[in-house]
Amino acid sequence: MPQFPHQQFDVIICRHLLWALPEPKQILQRWVKFLKQKGRLFLIEGYWKTGAGLHANQITAMLPSSFTNTTVQNLSDNSDFWGGEVGDERYAIIADLNL
């Protein structure tokens, strides 16, 4: 795993990865250390028809309390994002670090 100094990044973007990590709650806690004060977390995730993934409420429940102004945006309804209709849960979560 790459080693990064603490408070190195303004934004962490994660697309369809968090659900596949063995301990997503611990990963989210670790990411707090890498963000600068007032940093932002931007997650694009989903819960697919196959049963893989995480529901948005599962992720928001795992977020450390240092993340505030958390919003969840549904992305499933916009077929332009995916090249056609989708029948699963796809969303973006945006949260600000407030240390």
PDB file of N, CA and C in Angstrom:
ATOM      1  N   MET A   1       0.845  -1.177   0.000  1.00  0.00           N
ATOM      2  CA  MET A   1       0.000   0.000   0.000  1.00  0.00           C
ATOM      3  C   MET A   1       0.890   1.239   0.000  1.00  0.00           C
ATOM      4  N   PRO A   2       0.574   2.224  -0.855  1.00  0.00           N
ATOM      5  CA  PRO A   2       1.377   3.447  -0.877  1.00  0.00           C
ATOM      6  C   PRO A   2       1.273   4.191   0.459  1.00  0.00           C
ATOM      7  N   GLN A   3       2.345   4.817   0.834  1.00  0.00           N
ATOM      8  CA  GLN A   3       2.374   5.619   2.054  1.00  0.00           C
ATOM      9  C   GLN A   3       2.256   7.095   1.684  1.00  0.00           C
ATOM     10  N   PHE A   4       1.303   7.786   2.272  1.00  0.00           N
ATOM     11  CA  PHE A   4       1.106   9.205   2.027  1.00  0.00           C
ATOM     12  C   PHE A   4       1.214   9.962   3.342  1.00  0.00           C
ATOM     13  N   PRO A   5       1.764  11.163   3.295  1.00  0.00           N
ATOM     14  CA  PRO A   5       1.788  11.984   4.510  1.00  0.00           C
ATOM     15  C   PRO A   5       0.355  12.354   4.918  1.00  0.00           C
ATOM     16  N   HIS A   6       0.154  12.598   6.194  1.00  0.00           N
ATOM     17  CA  HIS A   6      -1.161  13.027   6.668  1.00  0.00           C
ATOM     18  C   HIS A   6      -1.470  14.418   6.148  1.00  0.00           C
ATOM     19  N   GLN A   7      -2.753  14.708   6.012  1.00  0.00           N
ATOM     20  CA  GLN A   7      -3.276  15.987   5.525  1.00  0.00           C
ATOM     21  C   GLN A   7      -2.641  16.382   4.188  1.00  0.00           C
ATOM     22  N   GLN A   8      -2.603  15.431   3.283  1.00  0.00           N
ATOM     23  CA  GLN A   8      -1.958  15.625   1.981  1.00  0.00           C
ATOM     24  C   GLN A   8      -2.940  16.042   0.877  1.00  0.00           C
ATOM     25  N   PHE A   9      -4.206  15.647   0.988  1.00  0.00           N
ATOM     26  CA  PHE A   9      -5.132  15.787  -0.137  1.00  0.00           C
ATOM     27  C   PHE A   9      -6.322  16.689   0.192  1.00  0.00           C
ATOM     28  N   ASP A  10      -6.767  17.436  -0.817  1.00  0.00           N
ATOM     29  CA  ASP A  10      -7.970  18.253  -0.692  1.00  0.00           C
ATOM     30  C   ASP A  10      -9.224  17.407  -0.882  1.00  0.00           C
ATOM     31  N   VAL A  11      -9.124  16.394  -1.743  1.00  0.00           N
ATOM     32  CA  VAL A  11     -10.269  15.547  -2.088  1.00  0.00           C
ATOM     33  C   VAL A  11      -9.801  14.100  -2.216  1.00  0.00           C
ATOM     34  N   ILE A  12     -10.638  13.202  -1.740  1.00  0.00           N
ATOM     35  CA  ILE A  12     -10.455  11.775  -2.032  1.00  0.00           C
ATOM     36  C   ILE A  12     -11.670  11.348  -2.835  1.00  0.00           C
ATOM     37  N   ILE A  13     -11.418  10.779  -4.006  1.00  0.00           N
ATOM     38  CA  ILE A  13     -12.476  10.285  -4.884  1.00  0.00           C
ATOM     39  C   ILE A  13     -12.352   8.768  -4.961  1.00  0.00           C
ATOM     40  N   CYS A  14     -13.453   8.099  -4.749  1.00  0.00           N
ATOM     41  CA  CYS A  14     -13.475   6.640  -4.790  1.00  0.00           C
ATOM     42  C   CYS A  14     -14.675   6.218  -5.630  1.00  0.00           C
ATOM     43  N   ARG A  15     -14.426   5.450  -6.680  1.00  0.00           N
ATOM     44  CA  ARG A  15     -15.513   5.029  -7.576  1.00  0.00           C
ATOM     45  C   ARG A  15     -15.599   3.506  -7.610  1.00  0.00           C
ATOM     46  N   HIS A  16     -16.701   2.993  -7.098  1.00  0.00           N
ATOM     47  CA  HIS A  16     -17.012   1.566  -7.119  1.00  0.00           C
ATOM     48  C   HIS A  16     -15.875   0.708  -6.562  1.00  0.00           C
ATOM     49  N   LEU A  17     -15.303   1.142  -5.455  1.00  0.00           N
ATOM     50  CA  LEU A  17     -14.216   0.390  -4.837  1.00  0.00           C
ATOM     51  C   LEU A  17     -14.480   0.088  -3.371  1.00  0.00           C
ATOM     52  N   LEU A  18     -15.040   1.027  -2.655  1.00  0.00           N
ATOM     53  CA  LEU A  18     -15.197   0.880  -1.207  1.00  0.00           C
ATOM     54  C   LEU A  18     -15.911  -0.420  -0.850  1.00  0.00           C
ATOM     55  N   TRP A  19     -16.925  -0.785  -1.603  1.00  0.00           N
ATOM     56  CA  TRP A  19     -17.706  -1.983  -1.302  1.00  0.00           C
ATOM     57  C   TRP A  19     -16.859  -3.253  -1.374  1.00  0.00           C
ATOM     58  N   ALA A  20     -15.792  -3.221  -2.165  1.00  0.00           N
ATOM     59  CA  ALA A  20     -14.975  -4.417  -2.379  1.00  0.00           C
ATOM     60  C   ALA A  20     -13.844  -4.559  -1.357  1.00  0.00           C
ATOM     61  N   LEU A  21     -13.626  -3.546  -0.539  1.00  0.00           N
ATOM     62  CA  LEU A  21     -12.557  -3.586   0.450  1.00  0.00           C
ATOM     63  C   LEU A  21     -13.010  -4.373   1.679  1.00  0.00           C
ATOM     64  N   PRO A  22     -12.099  -5.106   2.322  1.00  0.00           N
ATOM     65  CA  PRO A  22     -12.500  -5.995   3.416  1.00  0.00           C
ATOM     66  C   PRO A  22     -13.039  -5.276   4.657  1.00  0.00           C
ATOM     67  N   GLU A  23     -12.576  -4.063   4.941  1.00  0.00           N
ATOM     68  CA  GLU A  23     -13.037  -3.336   6.130  1.00  0.00           C
ATOM     69  C   GLU A  23     -13.301  -1.875   5.769  1.00  0.00           C
ATOM     70  N   PRO A  24     -14.423  -1.607   5.085  1.00  0.00           N
ATOM     71  CA  PRO A  24     -14.662  -0.250   4.592  1.00  0.00           C
ATOM     72  C   PRO A  24     -14.738   0.802   5.700  1.00  0.00           C
ATOM     73  N   LYS A  25     -15.254   0.442   6.851  1.00  0.00           N
ATOM     74  CA  LYS A  25     -15.339   1.420   7.940  1.00  0.00           C
ATOM     75  C   LYS A  25     -13.943   1.878   8.370  1.00  0.00           C
ATOM     76  N   GLN A  26     -13.018   0.948   8.474  1.00  0.00           N
ATOM     77  CA  GLN A  26     -11.654   1.298   8.859  1.00  0.00           C
ATOM     78  C   GLN A  26     -10.962   2.120   7.762  1.00  0.00           C
ATOM     79  N   ILE A  27     -11.273   1.815   6.520  1.00  0.00           N
ATOM     80  CA  ILE A  27     -10.706   2.583   5.404  1.00  0.00           C
ATOM     81  C   ILE A  27     -11.179   4.034   5.472  1.00  0.00           C
ATOM     82  N   LEU A  28     -12.462   4.238   5.719  1.00  0.00           N
ATOM     83  CA  LEU A  28     -12.993   5.595   5.824  1.00  0.00           C
ATOM     84  C   LEU A  28     -12.317   6.349   6.968  1.00  0.00           C
ATOM     85  N   GLN A  29     -12.086   5.677   8.071  1.00  0.00           N
ATOM     86  CA  GLN A  29     -11.394   6.308   9.201  1.00  0.00           C
ATOM     87  C   GLN A  29      -9.957   6.670   8.816  1.00  0.00           C
ATOM     88  N   ARG A  30      -9.305   5.818   8.070  1.00  0.00           N
ATOM     89  CA  ARG A  30      -7.937   6.083   7.629  1.00  0.00           C
ATOM     90  C   ARG A  30      -7.886   7.278   6.675  1.00  0.00           C
ATOM     91  N   TRP A  31      -8.867   7.385   5.802  1.00  0.00           N
ATOM     92  CA  TRP A  31      -8.879   8.470   4.831  1.00  0.00           C
ATOM     93  C   TRP A  31      -8.969   9.834   5.495  1.00  0.00           C
ATOM     94  N   VAL A  32      -9.584   9.916   6.673  1.00  0.00           N
ATOM     95  CA  VAL A  32      -9.656  11.187   7.398  1.00  0.00           C
ATOM     96  C   VAL A  32      -8.250  11.751   7.589  1.00  0.00           C
ATOM     97  N   LYS A  33      -7.303  10.904   7.891  1.00  0.00           N
ATOM     98  CA  LYS A  33      -5.928  11.338   8.144  1.00  0.00           C
ATOM     99  C   LYS A  33      -5.274  11.939   6.896  1.00  0.00           C
ATOM    100  N   PHE A  34      -5.662  11.490   5.731  1.00  0.00           N
ATOM    101  CA  PHE A  34      -5.039  11.945   4.494  1.00  0.00           C
ATOM    102  C   PHE A  34      -5.612  13.255   3.970  1.00  0.00           C
ATOM    103  N   LEU A  35      -6.819  13.598   4.408  1.00  0.00           N
ATOM    104  CA  LEU A  35      -7.449  14.825   3.927  1.00  0.00           C
ATOM    105  C   LEU A  35      -6.961  16.035   4.707  1.00  0.00           C
ATOM    106  N   LYS A  36      -6.790  17.133   3.981  1.00  0.00           N
ATOM    107  CA  LYS A  36      -6.497  18.407   4.634  1.00  0.00           C
ATOM    108  C   LYS A  36      -7.738  18.869   5.393  1.00  0.00           C
ATOM    109  N   GLN A  37      -7.542  19.803   6.307  1.00  0.00           N
ATOM    110  CA  GLN A  37      -8.696  20.397   6.973  1.00  0.00           C
ATOM    111  C   GLN A  37      -9.619  20.970   5.912  1.00  0.00           C
ATOM    112  N   LYS A  38     -10.889  20.780   6.092  1.00  0.00           N
ATOM    113  CA  LYS A  38     -11.915  21.212   5.120  1.00  0.00           C
ATOM    114  C   LYS A  38     -11.852  20.400   3.828  1.00  0.00           C
ATOM    115  N   GLY A  39     -11.221  19.225   3.867  1.00  0.00           N
ATOM    116  CA  GLY A  39     -11.171  18.355   2.697  1.00  0.00           C
ATOM    117  C   GLY A  39     -12.530  17.757   2.387  1.00  0.00           C
ATOM    118  N   ARG A  40     -12.614  17.081   1.267  1.00  0.00           N
ATOM    119  CA  ARG A  40     -13.896  16.522   0.816  1.00  0.00           C
ATOM    120  C   ARG A  40     -13.718  15.073   0.394  1.00  0.00           C
ATOM    121  N   LEU A  41     -14.708  14.265   0.739  1.00  0.00           N
ATOM    122  CA  LEU A  41     -14.773  12.867   0.332  1.00  0.00           C
ATOM    123  C   LEU A  41     -15.869  12.745  -0.716  1.00  0.00           C
ATOM    124  N   PHE A  42     -15.538  12.124  -1.840  1.00  0.00           N
ATOM    125  CA  PHE A  42     -16.499  11.959  -2.935  1.00  0.00           C
ATOM    126  C   PHE A  42     -16.518  10.489  -3.313  1.00  0.00           C
ATOM    127  N   LEU A  43     -17.623   9.825  -3.015  1.00  0.00           N
ATOM    128  CA  LEU A  43     -17.764   8.390  -3.274  1.00  0.00           C
ATOM    129  C   LEU A  43     -18.840   8.159  -4.322  1.00  0.00           C
ATOM    130  N   ILE A  44     -18.537   7.338  -5.305  1.00  0.00           N
ATOM    131  CA  ILE A  44     -19.548   6.851  -6.243  1.00  0.00           C
ATOM    132  C   ILE A  44     -19.599   5.350  -6.024  1.00  0.00           C
ATOM    133  N   GLU A  45     -20.724   4.882  -5.540  1.00  0.00           N
ATOM    134  CA  GLU A  45     -20.861   3.474  -5.167  1.00  0.00           C
ATOM    135  C   GLU A  45     -22.218   2.956  -5.608  1.00  0.00           C
ATOM    136  N   GLY A  46     -22.515   1.739  -5.235  1.00  0.00           N
ATOM    137  CA  GLY A  46     -23.797   1.164  -5.593  1.00  0.00           C
ATOM    138  C   GLY A  46     -24.062  -0.152  -4.908  1.00  0.00           C
ATOM    139  N   TYR A  47     -25.286  -0.597  -5.085  1.00  0.00           N
ATOM    140  CA  TYR A  47     -25.703  -1.928  -4.653  1.00  0.00           C
ATOM    141  C   TYR A  47     -26.383  -2.543  -5.864  1.00  0.00           C
ATOM    142  N   TRP A  48     -25.771  -3.599  -6.392  1.00  0.00           N
ATOM    143  CA  TRP A  48     -26.197  -4.143  -7.671  1.00  0.00           C
ATOM    144  C   TRP A  48     -27.171  -5.305  -7.515  1.00  0.00           C
ATOM    145  N   LYS A  49     -27.861  -5.594  -8.602  1.00  0.00           N
ATOM    146  CA  LYS A  49     -28.855  -6.680  -8.635  1.00  0.00           C
ATOM    147  C   LYS A  49     -28.258  -8.016  -8.205  1.00  0.00           C
ATOM    148  N   THR A  50     -26.965  -8.162  -8.358  1.00  0.00           N
ATOM    149  CA  THR A  50     -26.288  -9.412  -7.997  1.00  0.00           C
ATOM    150  C   THR A  50     -26.145  -9.591  -6.488  1.00  0.00           C
ATOM    151  N   GLY A  51     -26.434  -8.522  -5.724  1.00  0.00           N
ATOM    152  CA  GLY A  51     -26.256  -8.572  -4.268  1.00  0.00           C
ATOM    153  C   GLY A  51     -24.916  -8.031  -3.820  1.00  0.00           C
ATOM    154  N   ALA A  52     -24.074  -7.638  -4.751  1.00  0.00           N
ATOM    155  CA  ALA A  52     -22.777  -7.047  -4.408  1.00  0.00           C
ATOM    156  C   ALA A  52     -22.955  -5.553  -4.171  1.00  0.00           C
ATOM    157  N   GLY A  53     -22.092  -4.988  -3.369  1.00  0.00           N
ATOM    158  CA  GLY A  53     -22.095  -3.556  -3.139  1.00  0.00           C
ATOM    159  C   GLY A  53     -22.558  -3.184  -1.743  1.00  0.00           C
ATOM    160  N   LEU A  54     -22.738  -1.900  -1.558  1.00  0.00           N
ATOM    161  CA  LEU A  54     -23.214  -1.345  -0.293  1.00  0.00           C
ATOM    162  C   LEU A  54     -24.347  -0.372  -0.575  1.00  0.00           C
ATOM    163  N   HIS A  55     -25.357  -0.398   0.267  1.00  0.00           N
ATOM    164  CA  HIS A  55     -26.419   0.597   0.174  1.00  0.00           C
ATOM    165  C   HIS A  55     -25.868   1.926   0.690  1.00  0.00           C
ATOM    166  N   ALA A  56     -26.412   3.016   0.197  1.00  0.00           N
ATOM    167  CA  ALA A  56     -25.946   4.345   0.600  1.00  0.00           C
ATOM    168  C   ALA A  56     -26.039   4.538   2.110  1.00  0.00           C
ATOM    169  N   ASN A  57     -27.131   4.061   2.717  1.00  0.00           N
ATOM    170  CA  ASN A  57     -27.277   4.249   4.163  1.00  0.00           C
ATOM    171  C   ASN A  57     -26.243   3.447   4.958  1.00  0.00           C
ATOM    172  N   GLN A  58     -25.742   2.366   4.405  1.00  0.00           N
ATOM    173  CA  GLN A  58     -24.677   1.619   5.075  1.00  0.00           C
ATOM    174  C   GLN A  58     -23.396   2.450   5.124  1.00  0.00           C
ATOM    175  N   ILE A  59     -23.093   3.104   4.024  1.00  0.00           N
ATOM    176  CA  ILE A  59     -21.876   3.916   3.984  1.00  0.00           C
ATOM    177  C   ILE A  59     -22.013   5.144   4.874  1.00  0.00           C
ATOM    178  N   THR A  60     -23.136   5.825   4.794  1.00  0.00           N
ATOM    179  CA  THR A  60     -23.282   7.019   5.630  1.00  0.00           C
ATOM    180  C   THR A  60     -23.214   6.658   7.110  1.00  0.00           C
ATOM    181  N   ALA A  61     -23.674   5.477   7.482  1.00  0.00           N
ATOM    182  CA  ALA A  61     -23.572   5.043   8.885  1.00  0.00           C
ATOM    183  C   ALA A  61     -22.131   4.753   9.282  1.00  0.00           C
ATOM    184  N   MET A  62     -21.279   4.412   8.333  1.00  0.00           N
ATOM    185  CA  MET A  62     -19.866   4.113   8.606  1.00  0.00           C
ATOM    186  C   MET A  62     -18.990   5.358   8.638  1.00  0.00           C
ATOM    187  N   LEU A  63     -19.477   6.464   8.112  1.00  0.00           N
ATOM    188  CA  LEU A  63     -18.640   7.661   8.033  1.00  0.00           C
ATOM    189  C   LEU A  63     -18.243   8.141   9.423  1.00  0.00           C
ATOM    190  N   PRO A  64     -16.979   8.447   9.623  1.00  0.00           N
ATOM    191  CA  PRO A  64     -16.564   9.021  10.902  1.00  0.00           C
ATOM    192  C   PRO A  64     -17.300  10.339  11.165  1.00  0.00           C
ATOM    193  N   SER A  65     -17.497  10.665  12.419  1.00  0.00           N
ATOM    194  CA  SER A  65     -18.261  11.865  12.788  1.00  0.00           C
ATOM    195  C   SER A  65     -17.579  13.152  12.350  1.00  0.00           C
ATOM    196  N   SER A  66     -16.320  13.087  11.972  1.00  0.00           N
ATOM    197  CA  SER A  66     -15.618  14.285  11.493  1.00  0.00           C
ATOM    198  C   SER A  66     -16.066  14.694  10.090  1.00  0.00           C
ATOM    199  N   PHE A  67     -16.840  13.853   9.408  1.00  0.00           N
ATOM    200  CA  PHE A  67     -17.426  14.236   8.127  1.00  0.00           C
ATOM    201  C   PHE A  67     -18.787  14.867   8.379  1.00  0.00           C
ATOM    202  N   THR A  68     -18.992  16.045   7.798  1.00  0.00           N
ATOM    203  CA  THR A  68     -20.261  16.757   7.957  1.00  0.00           C
ATOM    204  C   THR A  68     -20.784  17.150   6.579  1.00  0.00           C
ATOM    205  N   ASN A  69     -21.940  17.769   6.573  1.00  0.00           N
ATOM    206  CA  ASN A  69     -22.562  18.213   5.316  1.00  0.00           C
ATOM    207  C   ASN A  69     -22.633  17.061   4.314  1.00  0.00           C
ATOM    208  N   THR A  70     -22.996  15.899   4.787  1.00  0.00           N
ATOM    209  CA  THR A  70     -23.060  14.716   3.927  1.00  0.00           C
ATOM    210  C   THR A  70     -24.323  14.746   3.082  1.00  0.00           C
ATOM    211  N   THR A  71     -24.135  14.557   1.775  1.00  0.00           N
ATOM    212  CA  THR A  71     -25.282  14.464   0.877  1.00  0.00           C
ATOM    213  C   THR A  71     -25.188  13.167   0.082  1.00  0.00           C
ATOM    214  N   VAL A  72     -26.337  12.622  -0.241  1.00  0.00           N
ATOM    215  CA  VAL A  72     -26.429  11.428  -1.078  1.00  0.00           C
ATOM    216  C   VAL A  72     -27.243  11.802  -2.300  1.00  0.00           C
ATOM    217  N   GLN A  73     -26.666  11.565  -3.460  1.00  0.00           N
ATOM    218  CA  GLN A  73     -27.369  11.865  -4.705  1.00  0.00           C
ATOM    219  C   GLN A  73     -27.614  10.576  -5.461  1.00  0.00           C
ATOM    220  N   ASN A  74     -28.868  10.330  -5.787  1.00  0.00           N
ATOM    221  CA  ASN A  74     -29.246   9.154  -6.569  1.00  0.00           C
ATOM    222  C   ASN A  74     -28.733   9.318  -7.995  1.00  0.00           C
ATOM    223  N   LEU A  75     -28.022   8.319  -8.483  1.00  0.00           N
ATOM    224  CA  LEU A  75     -27.525   8.343  -9.859  1.00  0.00           C
ATOM    225  C   LEU A  75     -28.206   7.302 -10.742  1.00  0.00           C
ATOM    226  N   SER A  76     -29.060   6.480 -10.171  1.00  0.00           N
ATOM    227  CA  SER A  76     -29.697   5.388 -10.922  1.00  0.00           C
ATOM    228  C   SER A  76     -30.666   5.888 -11.977  1.00  0.00           C
ATOM    229  N   ASP A  77     -31.313   7.009 -11.708  1.00  0.00           N
ATOM    230  CA  ASP A  77     -32.387   7.483 -12.587  1.00  0.00           C
ATOM    231  C   ASP A  77     -31.903   8.137 -13.872  1.00  0.00           C
ATOM    232  N   ASN A  78     -30.610   8.441 -13.955  1.00  0.00           N
ATOM    233  CA  ASN A  78     -30.104   9.120 -15.147  1.00  0.00           C
ATOM    234  C   ASN A  78     -29.386   8.108 -16.043  1.00  0.00           C
ATOM    235  N   SER A  79     -30.094   7.612 -17.024  1.00  0.00           N
ATOM    236  CA  SER A  79     -29.536   6.578 -17.902  1.00  0.00           C
ATOM    237  C   SER A  79     -28.357   7.093 -18.730  1.00  0.00           C
ATOM    238  N   ASP A  80     -28.251   8.403 -18.905  1.00  0.00           N
ATOM    239  CA  ASP A  80     -27.119   8.964 -19.651  1.00  0.00           C
ATOM    240  C   ASP A  80     -25.789   8.664 -18.955  1.00  0.00           C
ATOM    241  N   PHE A  81     -25.810   8.538 -17.639  1.00  0.00           N
ATOM    242  CA  PHE A  81     -24.582   8.222 -16.905  1.00  0.00           C
ATOM    243  C   PHE A  81     -24.072   6.816 -17.213  1.00  0.00           C
ATOM    244  N   TRP A  82     -24.987   5.909 -17.554  1.00  0.00           N
ATOM    245  CA  TRP A  82     -24.641   4.481 -17.627  1.00  0.00           C
ATOM    246  C   TRP A  82     -24.821   3.879 -19.005  1.00  0.00           C
ATOM    247  N   GLY A  83     -25.270   4.652 -19.951  1.00  0.00           N
ATOM    248  CA  GLY A  83     -25.444   4.137 -21.296  1.00  0.00           C
ATOM    249  C   GLY A  83     -26.732   3.353 -21.477  1.00  0.00           C
ATOM    250  N   GLY A  84     -27.652   3.477 -20.540  1.00  0.00           N
ATOM    251  CA  GLY A  84     -28.940   2.799 -20.608  1.00  0.00           C
ATOM    252  C   GLY A  84     -29.572   2.721 -19.232  1.00  0.00           C
ATOM    253  N   GLU A  85     -30.763   2.201 -19.181  1.00  0.00           N
ATOM    254  CA  GLU A  85     -31.489   2.054 -17.926  1.00  0.00           C
ATOM    255  C   GLU A  85     -30.757   1.092 -16.993  1.00  0.00           C
ATOM    256  N   VAL A  86     -30.805   1.365 -15.703  1.00  0.00           N
ATOM    257  CA  VAL A  86     -30.234   0.470 -14.704  1.00  0.00           C
ATOM    258  C   VAL A  86     -31.317   0.133 -13.682  1.00  0.00           C
ATOM    259  N   GLY A  87     -31.231  -1.067 -13.145  1.00  0.00           N
ATOM    260  CA  GLY A  87     -32.217  -1.507 -12.173  1.00  0.00           C
ATOM    261  C   GLY A  87     -31.635  -1.683 -10.777  1.00  0.00           C
ATOM    262  N   ASP A  88     -30.471  -1.092 -10.551  1.00  0.00           N
ATOM    263  CA  ASP A  88     -29.866  -1.236  -9.234  1.00  0.00           C
ATOM    264  C   ASP A  88     -29.629   0.137  -8.617  1.00  0.00           C
ATOM    265  N   GLU A  89     -29.108   0.142  -7.409  1.00  0.00           N
ATOM    266  CA  GLU A  89     -28.901   1.382  -6.667  1.00  0.00           C
ATOM    267  C   GLU A  89     -27.505   1.942  -6.967  1.00  0.00           C
ATOM    268  N   ARG A  90     -27.470   3.124  -7.552  1.00  0.00           N
ATOM    269  CA  ARG A  90     -26.202   3.790  -7.832  1.00  0.00           C
ATOM    270  C   ARG A  90     -26.321   5.212  -7.302  1.00  0.00           C
ATOM    271  N   TYR A  91     -25.274   5.679  -6.656  1.00  0.00           N
ATOM    272  CA  TYR A  91     -25.380   6.951  -5.942  1.00  0.00           C
ATOM    273  C   TYR A  91     -23.998   7.566  -5.758  1.00  0.00           C
ATOM    274  N   ALA A  92     -24.008   8.855  -5.431  1.00  0.00           N
ATOM    275  CA  ALA A  92     -22.806   9.572  -5.028  1.00  0.00           C
ATOM    276  C   ALA A  92     -23.015  10.064  -3.607  1.00  0.00           C
ATOM    277  N   ILE A  93     -21.972   9.938  -2.805  1.00  0.00           N
ATOM    278  CA  ILE A  93     -21.974  10.494  -1.447  1.00  0.00           C
ATOM    279  C   ILE A  93     -20.853  11.534  -1.394  1.00  0.00           C
ATOM    280  N   ILE A  94     -21.212  12.711  -0.949  1.00  0.00           N
ATOM    281  CA  ILE A  94     -20.234  13.791  -0.798  1.00  0.00           C
ATOM    282  C   ILE A  94     -20.277  14.232   0.653  1.00  0.00           C
ATOM    283  N   ALA A  95     -19.095  14.284   1.280  1.00  0.00           N
ATOM    284  CA  ALA A  95     -19.013  14.678   2.686  1.00  0.00           C
ATOM    285  C   ALA A  95     -17.795  15.565   2.889  1.00  0.00           C
ATOM    286  N   ASP A  96     -17.950  16.574   3.719  1.00  0.00           N
ATOM    287  CA  ASP A  96     -16.879  17.511   4.020  1.00  0.00           C
ATOM    288  C   ASP A  96     -16.225  17.136   5.347  1.00  0.00           C
ATOM    289  N   LEU A  97     -14.920  17.252   5.388  1.00  0.00           N
ATOM    290  CA  LEU A  97     -14.190  17.007   6.627  1.00  0.00           C
ATOM    291  C   LEU A  97     -14.212  18.280   7.447  1.00  0.00           C
ATOM    292  N   ASN A  98     -14.629  18.161   8.682  1.00  0.00           N
ATOM    293  CA  ASN A  98     -14.746  19.320   9.554  1.00  0.00           C
ATOM    294  C   ASN A  98     -13.942  19.051  10.809  1.00  0.00           C
ATOM    295  N   LEU A  99     -12.646  19.331  10.742  1.00  0.00           N
ATOM    296  CA  LEU A  99     -11.778  19.143  11.906  1.00  0.00           C
ATOM    297  C   LEU A  99     -11.470  20.455  12.569  1.00  0.00           C
TER     298      LEU A  99
END
